[in-house]
Amino acid sequence: MNRATHGATGAAIAANLREEILAGTYAPGERIRQDELADRHGASRLPVRDALRILEAEGLVSLIPNTGAWVSRISMAECQEMYRMRERLEPLLVGMNVPLLSSDDAEGLELLAGAMESSTDVEEFLRLDRVFHLSCLQAVETSVLGSTVLNLWNRTQHYRRAATRLFYLEEDRSVHHDHHLIVNAIRQGDADEAEQVLARHIRRSRLELARHPEVFR
């Protein structure tokens, strides 16, 4: 197998493992066994190592030389810092996207918001929520901002899942209200309003996580 083939195989393994980590199949701090990954994908160790390096660069995997690979975990302080970064960066990005989002885009987002509101399943909500928010952020091309925001989303995904379970238990409907407000701002072409609502939306999640340090143990 040549280097190009190894690279393609490594990228495919990384894509699969990324989805598993984001879906909670692997928990933060859990060891990733390279031989098992290789066997599962019918690959040698080289593309597996390539895959793990890709995910290490994304902050999803921690590699310790001569020891192994683990799913990255973050502390409460690190999570709070990442959410503060999202509070500044993600509204900026959504504001850049608003002028490029069409009425059809807004209609699709409204359908997603409605589906989230009617869902009783946490994992389904998380899937739809990710599609909703990232769909608001992908119309404009950026050199750094888009990938930075996506990295922050991915690195905090496990903790977002924990916060969402708390949200479901407490039956807080404010998150759904925010989604509809964001859609309305996009329909109106009001970038400032979309930015302000999104910043409050992210801040609410940060404050909710701050109330539950047990999530990080």
C-alpha atoms as a PDB file:
ATOM      1  CA  MET A   1       0.000   0.000   0.000  1.00  0.00           C
ATOM      2  CA  ASN A   2       1.519   3.359  -1.045  1.00  0.00           C
ATOM      3  CA  ARG A   3       1.555   6.533   1.019  1.00  0.00           C
ATOM      4  CA  ALA A   4      -1.396   8.081  -0.834  1.00  0.00           C
ATOM      5  CA  THR A   5      -3.510   4.998  -0.149  1.00  0.00           C
ATOM      6  CA  HIS A   6      -2.424   5.021   3.485  1.00  0.00           C
ATOM      7  CA  GLY A   7      -3.478   8.674   3.669  1.00  0.00           C
ATOM      8  CA  ALA A   8      -6.923   8.009   2.218  1.00  0.00           C
ATOM      9  CA  THR A   9      -7.430   5.060   4.553  1.00  0.00           C
ATOM     10  CA  GLY A  10      -6.271   7.121   7.520  1.00  0.00           C
ATOM     11  CA  ALA A  11      -8.702   9.905   6.645  1.00  0.00           C
ATOM     12  CA  ALA A  12     -11.560   7.388   6.397  1.00  0.00           C
ATOM     13  CA  ILE A  13     -10.662   5.859   9.764  1.00  0.00           C
ATOM     14  CA  ALA A  14     -10.428   9.347  11.282  1.00  0.00           C
ATOM     15  CA  ALA A  15     -13.880  10.250   9.942  1.00  0.00           C
ATOM     16  CA  ASN A  16     -15.411   7.110  11.427  1.00  0.00           C
ATOM     17  CA  LEU A  17     -13.675   7.492  14.786  1.00  0.00           C
ATOM     18  CA  ARG A  18     -14.576  11.194  14.928  1.00  0.00           C
ATOM     19  CA  GLU A  19     -18.253  10.341  14.523  1.00  0.00           C
ATOM     20  CA  GLU A  20     -18.017   7.685  17.246  1.00  0.00           C
ATOM     21  CA  ILE A  21     -16.365  10.100  19.675  1.00  0.00           C
ATOM     22  CA  LEU A  22     -18.922  12.830  18.967  1.00  0.00           C
ATOM     23  CA  ALA A  23     -21.769  10.315  19.323  1.00  0.00           C
ATOM     24  CA  GLY A  24     -20.498   9.255  22.762  1.00  0.00           C
ATOM     25  CA  THR A  25     -19.451   5.740  21.734  1.00  0.00           C
ATOM     26  CA  TYR A  26     -16.104   6.601  23.302  1.00  0.00           C
ATOM     27  CA  ALA A  27     -16.098   8.544  26.564  1.00  0.00           C
ATOM     28  CA  PRO A  28     -13.550  11.221  27.529  1.00  0.00           C
ATOM     29  CA  GLY A  29     -10.460   9.550  28.967  1.00  0.00           C
ATOM     30  CA  GLU A  30     -11.237   6.187  27.348  1.00  0.00           C
ATOM     31  CA  ARG A  31      -8.298   4.392  25.754  1.00  0.00           C
ATOM     32  CA  ILE A  32      -8.363   3.867  21.993  1.00  0.00           C
ATOM     33  CA  ARG A  33      -6.760   0.551  21.105  1.00  0.00           C
ATOM     34  CA  GLN A  34      -4.952   0.876  17.818  1.00  0.00           C
ATOM     35  CA  ASP A  35      -4.882  -2.847  17.062  1.00  0.00           C
ATOM     36  CA  GLU A  36      -8.673  -3.026  17.428  1.00  0.00           C
ATOM     37  CA  LEU A  37      -9.107  -0.064  15.089  1.00  0.00           C
ATOM     38  CA  ALA A  38      -6.792  -1.664  12.551  1.00  0.00           C
ATOM     39  CA  ASP A  39      -8.659  -4.986  12.701  1.00  0.00           C
ATOM     40  CA  ARG A  40     -12.059  -3.317  12.445  1.00  0.00           C
ATOM     41  CA  HIS A  41     -11.062  -1.393   9.337  1.00  0.00           C
ATOM     42  CA  GLY A  42      -8.923  -4.120   7.794  1.00  0.00           C
ATOM     43  CA  ALA A  43      -5.949  -1.764   7.837  1.00  0.00           C
ATOM     44  CA  SER A  44      -2.367  -1.743   8.994  1.00  0.00           C
ATOM     45  CA  ARG A  45      -1.145   0.300  11.943  1.00  0.00           C
ATOM     46  CA  LEU A  46       0.208   3.104   9.722  1.00  0.00           C
ATOM     47  CA  PRO A  47      -3.159   4.538   8.565  1.00  0.00           C
ATOM     48  CA  VAL A  48      -4.497   4.105  12.107  1.00  0.00           C
ATOM     49  CA  ARG A  49      -1.638   6.252  13.387  1.00  0.00           C
ATOM     50  CA  ASP A  50      -2.407   8.785  10.638  1.00  0.00           C
ATOM     51  CA  ALA A  51      -6.043   8.848  11.763  1.00  0.00           C
ATOM     52  CA  LEU A  52      -5.108   9.401  15.384  1.00  0.00           C
ATOM     53  CA  ARG A  53      -2.769  12.253  14.460  1.00  0.00           C
ATOM     54  CA  ILE A  54      -5.593  13.903  12.502  1.00  0.00           C
ATOM     55  CA  LEU A  55      -7.873  13.693  15.534  1.00  0.00           C
ATOM     56  CA  GLU A  56      -5.111  14.832  17.861  1.00  0.00           C
ATOM     57  CA  ALA A  57      -4.773  17.999  15.748  1.00  0.00           C
ATOM     58  CA  GLU A  58      -8.539  18.509  16.168  1.00  0.00           C
ATOM     59  CA  GLY A  59      -8.286  18.150  19.935  1.00  0.00           C
ATOM     60  CA  LEU A  60     -10.361  14.966  20.072  1.00  0.00           C
ATOM     61  CA  VAL A  61      -7.536  12.517  20.842  1.00  0.00           C
ATOM     62  CA  SER A  62      -4.530  12.685  23.156  1.00  0.00           C
ATOM     63  CA  LEU A  63      -1.427  10.741  22.083  1.00  0.00           C
ATOM     64  CA  ILE A  64       1.266   9.840  24.591  1.00  0.00           C
ATOM     65  CA  PRO A  65       4.520   8.640  22.970  1.00  0.00           C
ATOM     66  CA  ASN A  66       5.276   4.951  23.535  1.00  0.00           C
ATOM     67  CA  THR A  67       2.106   4.637  25.602  1.00  0.00           C
ATOM     68  CA  GLY A  68      -1.052   4.947  23.515  1.00  0.00           C
ATOM     69  CA  ALA A  69      -4.045   7.054  22.565  1.00  0.00           C
ATOM     70  CA  TRP A  70      -6.986   8.270  24.628  1.00  0.00           C
ATOM     71  CA  VAL A  71     -10.092  10.286  23.952  1.00  0.00           C
ATOM     72  CA  SER A  72      -9.307  13.804  25.108  1.00  0.00           C
ATOM     73  CA  ARG A  73     -10.971  15.102  28.210  1.00  0.00           C
ATOM     74  CA  ILE A  74     -11.187  18.683  29.365  1.00  0.00           C
ATOM     75  CA  SER A  75     -11.553  20.235  32.768  1.00  0.00           C
ATOM     76  CA  MET A  76     -14.404  22.475  33.822  1.00  0.00           C
ATOM     77  CA  ALA A  77     -12.093  25.500  33.555  1.00  0.00           C
ATOM     78  CA  GLU A  78     -11.056  24.524  30.019  1.00  0.00           C
ATOM     79  CA  CYS A  79     -14.675  23.981  29.007  1.00  0.00           C
ATOM     80  CA  GLN A  80     -15.659  27.365  30.402  1.00  0.00           C
ATOM     81  CA  GLU A  81     -12.839  28.999  28.449  1.00  0.00           C
ATOM     82  CA  MET A  82     -13.921  27.263  25.237  1.00  0.00           C
ATOM     83  CA  TYR A  83     -17.507  28.371  25.742  1.00  0.00           C
ATOM     84  CA  ARG A  84     -16.328  31.942  26.308  1.00  0.00           C
ATOM     85  CA  MET A  85     -14.464  31.679  23.009  1.00  0.00           C
ATOM     86  CA  ARG A  86     -17.630  30.402  21.339  1.00  0.00           C
ATOM     87  CA  GLU A  87     -19.596  33.321  22.811  1.00  0.00           C
ATOM     88  CA  ARG A  88     -17.309  35.732  20.931  1.00  0.00           C
ATOM     89  CA  LEU A  89     -16.419  33.823  17.784  1.00  0.00           C
ATOM     90  CA  GLU A  90     -19.598  31.976  16.832  1.00  0.00           C
ATOM     91  CA  PRO A  91     -21.830  35.087  16.827  1.00  0.00           C
ATOM     92  CA  LEU A  92     -19.239  36.823  14.628  1.00  0.00           C
ATOM     93  CA  LEU A  93     -19.390  33.896  12.208  1.00  0.00           C
ATOM     94  CA  VAL A  94     -23.191  33.728  12.149  1.00  0.00           C
ATOM     95  CA  GLY A  95     -23.306  37.467  11.469  1.00  0.00           C
ATOM     96  CA  MET A  96     -21.045  36.967   8.455  1.00  0.00           C
ATOM     97  CA  ASN A  97     -23.357  34.205   7.223  1.00  0.00           C
ATOM     98  CA  VAL A  98     -26.719  35.969   7.584  1.00  0.00           C
ATOM     99  CA  PRO A  99     -26.468  38.000   4.350  1.00  0.00           C
ATOM    100  CA  LEU A 100     -25.778  34.786   2.429  1.00  0.00           C
ATOM    101  CA  LEU A 101     -28.631  32.696   3.865  1.00  0.00           C
ATOM    102  CA  SER A 102     -31.750  32.487   1.692  1.00  0.00           C
ATOM    103  CA  SER A 103     -35.428  32.186   2.561  1.00  0.00           C
ATOM    104  CA  ASP A 104     -35.139  28.491   1.697  1.00  0.00           C
ATOM    105  CA  ASP A 105     -32.277  28.190   4.181  1.00  0.00           C
ATOM    106  CA  ALA A 106     -34.432  29.877   6.831  1.00  0.00           C
ATOM    107  CA  GLU A 107     -37.291  27.499   6.080  1.00  0.00           C
ATOM    108  CA  GLY A 108     -35.014  24.495   6.519  1.00  0.00           C
ATOM    109  CA  LEU A 109     -33.749  25.878   9.812  1.00  0.00           C
ATOM    110  CA  GLU A 110     -37.328  26.451  10.991  1.00  0.00           C
ATOM    111  CA  LEU A 111     -38.140  22.807  10.274  1.00  0.00           C
ATOM    112  CA  LEU A 112     -35.088  21.743  12.293  1.00  0.00           C
ATOM    113  CA  ALA A 113     -36.116  24.025  15.172  1.00  0.00           C
ATOM    114  CA  GLY A 114     -39.604  22.520  15.170  1.00  0.00           C
ATOM    115  CA  ALA A 115     -38.242  18.974  15.088  1.00  0.00           C
ATOM    116  CA  MET A 116     -36.015  19.712  18.063  1.00  0.00           C
ATOM    117  CA  GLU A 117     -38.903  21.193  19.994  1.00  0.00           C
ATOM    118  CA  SER A 118     -41.074  18.124  19.456  1.00  0.00           C
ATOM    119  CA  SER A 119     -38.318  15.564  20.082  1.00  0.00           C
ATOM    120  CA  THR A 120     -38.266  13.615  23.334  1.00  0.00           C
ATOM    121  CA  ASP A 121     -34.938  11.900  22.617  1.00  0.00           C
ATOM    122  CA  VAL A 122     -31.703  13.527  23.780  1.00  0.00           C
ATOM    123  CA  GLU A 123     -29.532  12.006  21.061  1.00  0.00           C
ATOM    124  CA  GLU A 124     -31.964  13.052  18.341  1.00  0.00           C
ATOM    125  CA  PHE A 125     -32.029  16.569  19.769  1.00  0.00           C
ATOM    126  CA  LEU A 126     -28.220  16.682  19.801  1.00  0.00           C
ATOM    127  CA  ARG A 127     -28.017  15.536  16.190  1.00  0.00           C
ATOM    128  CA  LEU A 128     -30.579  18.101  15.027  1.00  0.00           C
ATOM    129  CA  ASP A 129     -29.045  20.854  17.162  1.00  0.00           C
ATOM    130  CA  ARG A 130     -25.631  20.290  15.582  1.00  0.00           C
ATOM    131  CA  VAL A 131     -27.117  20.350  12.078  1.00  0.00           C
ATOM    132  CA  PHE A 132     -29.075  23.512  12.929  1.00  0.00           C
ATOM    133  CA  HIS A 133     -26.156  25.504  14.273  1.00  0.00           C
ATOM    134  CA  LEU A 134     -23.532  24.388  11.774  1.00  0.00           C
ATOM    135  CA  SER A 135     -25.970  25.069   8.919  1.00  0.00           C
ATOM    136  CA  CYS A 136     -26.057  28.689  10.088  1.00  0.00           C
ATOM    137  CA  LEU A 137     -22.264  28.903   9.832  1.00  0.00           C
ATOM    138  CA  GLN A 138     -21.263  27.328   6.528  1.00  0.00           C
ATOM    139  CA  ALA A 139     -22.434  29.756   3.819  1.00  0.00           C
ATOM    140  CA  VAL A 140     -19.398  32.031   4.066  1.00  0.00           C
ATOM    141  CA  GLU A 141     -15.832  30.910   3.346  1.00  0.00           C
ATOM    142  CA  THR A 142     -13.288  31.671   6.053  1.00  0.00           C
ATOM    143  CA  SER A 143      -9.599  30.930   6.438  1.00  0.00           C
ATOM    144  CA  VAL A 144      -9.530  30.356  10.192  1.00  0.00           C
ATOM    145  CA  LEU A 145     -12.799  31.256  11.893  1.00  0.00           C
ATOM    146  CA  GLY A 146     -14.975  28.409  10.613  1.00  0.00           C
ATOM    147  CA  SER A 147     -12.509  25.653  11.480  1.00  0.00           C
ATOM    148  CA  THR A 148     -11.853  27.223  14.893  1.00  0.00           C
ATOM    149  CA  VAL A 149     -15.561  27.240  15.753  1.00  0.00           C
ATOM    150  CA  LEU A 150     -15.975  23.652  14.538  1.00  0.00           C
ATOM    151  CA  ASN A 151     -13.014  22.585  16.682  1.00  0.00           C
ATOM    152  CA  LEU A 152     -14.625  24.180  19.747  1.00  0.00           C
ATOM    153  CA  TRP A 153     -17.900  22.406  18.967  1.00  0.00           C
ATOM    154  CA  ASN A 154     -16.176  19.047  18.683  1.00  0.00           C
ATOM    155  CA  ARG A 155     -14.027  19.384  21.784  1.00  0.00           C
ATOM    156  CA  THR A 156     -17.005  20.255  23.990  1.00  0.00           C
ATOM    157  CA  GLN A 157     -19.461  17.761  22.456  1.00  0.00           C
ATOM    158  CA  HIS A 158     -19.431  15.265  25.343  1.00  0.00           C
ATOM    159  CA  TYR A 159     -20.109  18.027  27.852  1.00  0.00           C
ATOM    160  CA  ARG A 160     -22.831  19.515  25.652  1.00  0.00           C
ATOM    161  CA  ARG A 161     -24.468  16.094  25.726  1.00  0.00           C
ATOM    162  CA  ALA A 162     -24.352  16.115  29.536  1.00  0.00           C
ATOM    163  CA  ALA A 163     -25.784  19.650  29.649  1.00  0.00           C
ATOM    164  CA  THR A 164     -28.558  18.666  27.263  1.00  0.00           C
ATOM    165  CA  ARG A 165     -29.576  15.784  29.500  1.00  0.00           C
ATOM    166  CA  LEU A 166     -29.891  18.292  32.339  1.00  0.00           C
ATOM    167  CA  PHE A 167     -31.913  20.600  30.104  1.00  0.00           C
ATOM    168  CA  TYR A 168     -34.326  17.766  29.294  1.00  0.00           C
ATOM    169  CA  LEU A 169     -34.692  16.822  32.942  1.00  0.00           C
ATOM    170  CA  GLU A 170     -35.443  20.421  33.927  1.00  0.00           C
ATOM    171  CA  GLU A 171     -37.775  21.019  30.954  1.00  0.00           C
ATOM    172  CA  ASP A 172     -36.205  24.387  30.177  1.00  0.00           C
ATOM    173  CA  ARG A 173     -37.770  25.542  26.908  1.00  0.00           C
ATOM    174  CA  SER A 174     -35.606  28.644  26.467  1.00  0.00           C
ATOM    175  CA  VAL A 175     -33.264  26.862  24.060  1.00  0.00           C
ATOM    176  CA  HIS A 176     -36.158  26.311  21.641  1.00  0.00           C
ATOM    177  CA  HIS A 177     -37.195  29.944  21.917  1.00  0.00           C
ATOM    178  CA  ASP A 178     -33.634  30.951  20.990  1.00  0.00           C
ATOM    179  CA  HIS A 179     -33.678  28.728  17.911  1.00  0.00           C
ATOM    180  CA  HIS A 180     -36.851  30.353  16.619  1.00  0.00           C
ATOM    181  CA  LEU A 181     -35.440  33.825  17.313  1.00  0.00           C
ATOM    182  CA  ILE A 182     -32.299  32.983  15.339  1.00  0.00           C
ATOM    183  CA  VAL A 183     -34.402  31.790  12.401  1.00  0.00           C
ATOM    184  CA  ASN A 184     -36.496  34.964  12.512  1.00  0.00           C
ATOM    185  CA  ALA A 185     -33.359  37.141  12.540  1.00  0.00           C
ATOM    186  CA  ILE A 186     -32.053  35.264   9.496  1.00  0.00           C
ATOM    187  CA  ARG A 187     -35.390  35.765   7.704  1.00  0.00           C
ATOM    188  CA  GLN A 188     -35.204  39.481   8.452  1.00  0.00           C
ATOM    189  CA  GLY A 189     -31.578  39.688   7.388  1.00  0.00           C
ATOM    190  CA  ASP A 190     -30.766  41.074  10.841  1.00  0.00           C
ATOM    191  CA  ALA A 191     -27.202  39.977  11.510  1.00  0.00           C
ATOM    192  CA  ASP A 192     -26.946  41.978  14.755  1.00  0.00           C
ATOM    193  CA  GLU A 193     -30.007  40.273  16.237  1.00  0.00           C
ATOM    194  CA  ALA A 194     -28.777  36.825  15.195  1.00  0.00           C
ATOM    195  CA  GLU A 195     -25.422  37.543  16.857  1.00  0.00           C
ATOM    196  CA  GLN A 196     -27.016  38.751  20.093  1.00  0.00           C
ATOM    197  CA  VAL A 197     -29.412  35.811  20.405  1.00  0.00           C
ATOM    198  CA  LEU A 198     -26.667  33.285  19.663  1.00  0.00           C
ATOM    199  CA  ALA A 199     -24.319  34.852  22.220  1.00  0.00           C
ATOM    200  CA  ARG A 200     -27.020  34.569  24.911  1.00  0.00           C
ATOM    201  CA  HIS A 201     -27.781  31.025  23.790  1.00  0.00           C
ATOM    202  CA  ILE A 202     -24.160  29.917  24.202  1.00  0.00           C
ATOM    203  CA  ARG A 203     -23.743  31.818  27.483  1.00  0.00           C
ATOM    204  CA  ARG A 204     -26.776  30.025  28.923  1.00  0.00           C
ATOM    205  CA  SER A 205     -25.135  26.667  28.195  1.00  0.00           C
ATOM    206  CA  ARG A 206     -21.887  27.830  29.784  1.00  0.00           C
ATOM    207  CA  LEU A 207     -23.643  28.933  32.951  1.00  0.00           C
ATOM    208  CA  GLU A 208     -25.610  25.684  33.090  1.00  0.00           C
ATOM    209  CA  LEU A 209     -22.405  23.671  32.846  1.00  0.00           C
ATOM    210  CA  ALA A 210     -20.839  25.806  35.602  1.00  0.00           C
ATOM    211  CA  ARG A 211     -23.660  24.690  37.903  1.00  0.00           C
ATOM    212  CA  HIS A 212     -22.769  21.024  37.405  1.00  0.00           C
ATOM    213  CA  PRO A 213     -19.089  20.282  38.117  1.00  0.00           C
ATOM    214  CA  GLU A 214     -19.957  16.582  38.374  1.00  0.00           C
ATOM    215  CA  VAL A 215     -20.097  16.481  34.576  1.00  0.00           C
ATOM    216  CA  PHE A 216     -16.303  16.807  34.496  1.00  0.00           C
ATOM    217  CA  ARG A 217     -15.444  14.041  36.943  1.00  0.00           C
END
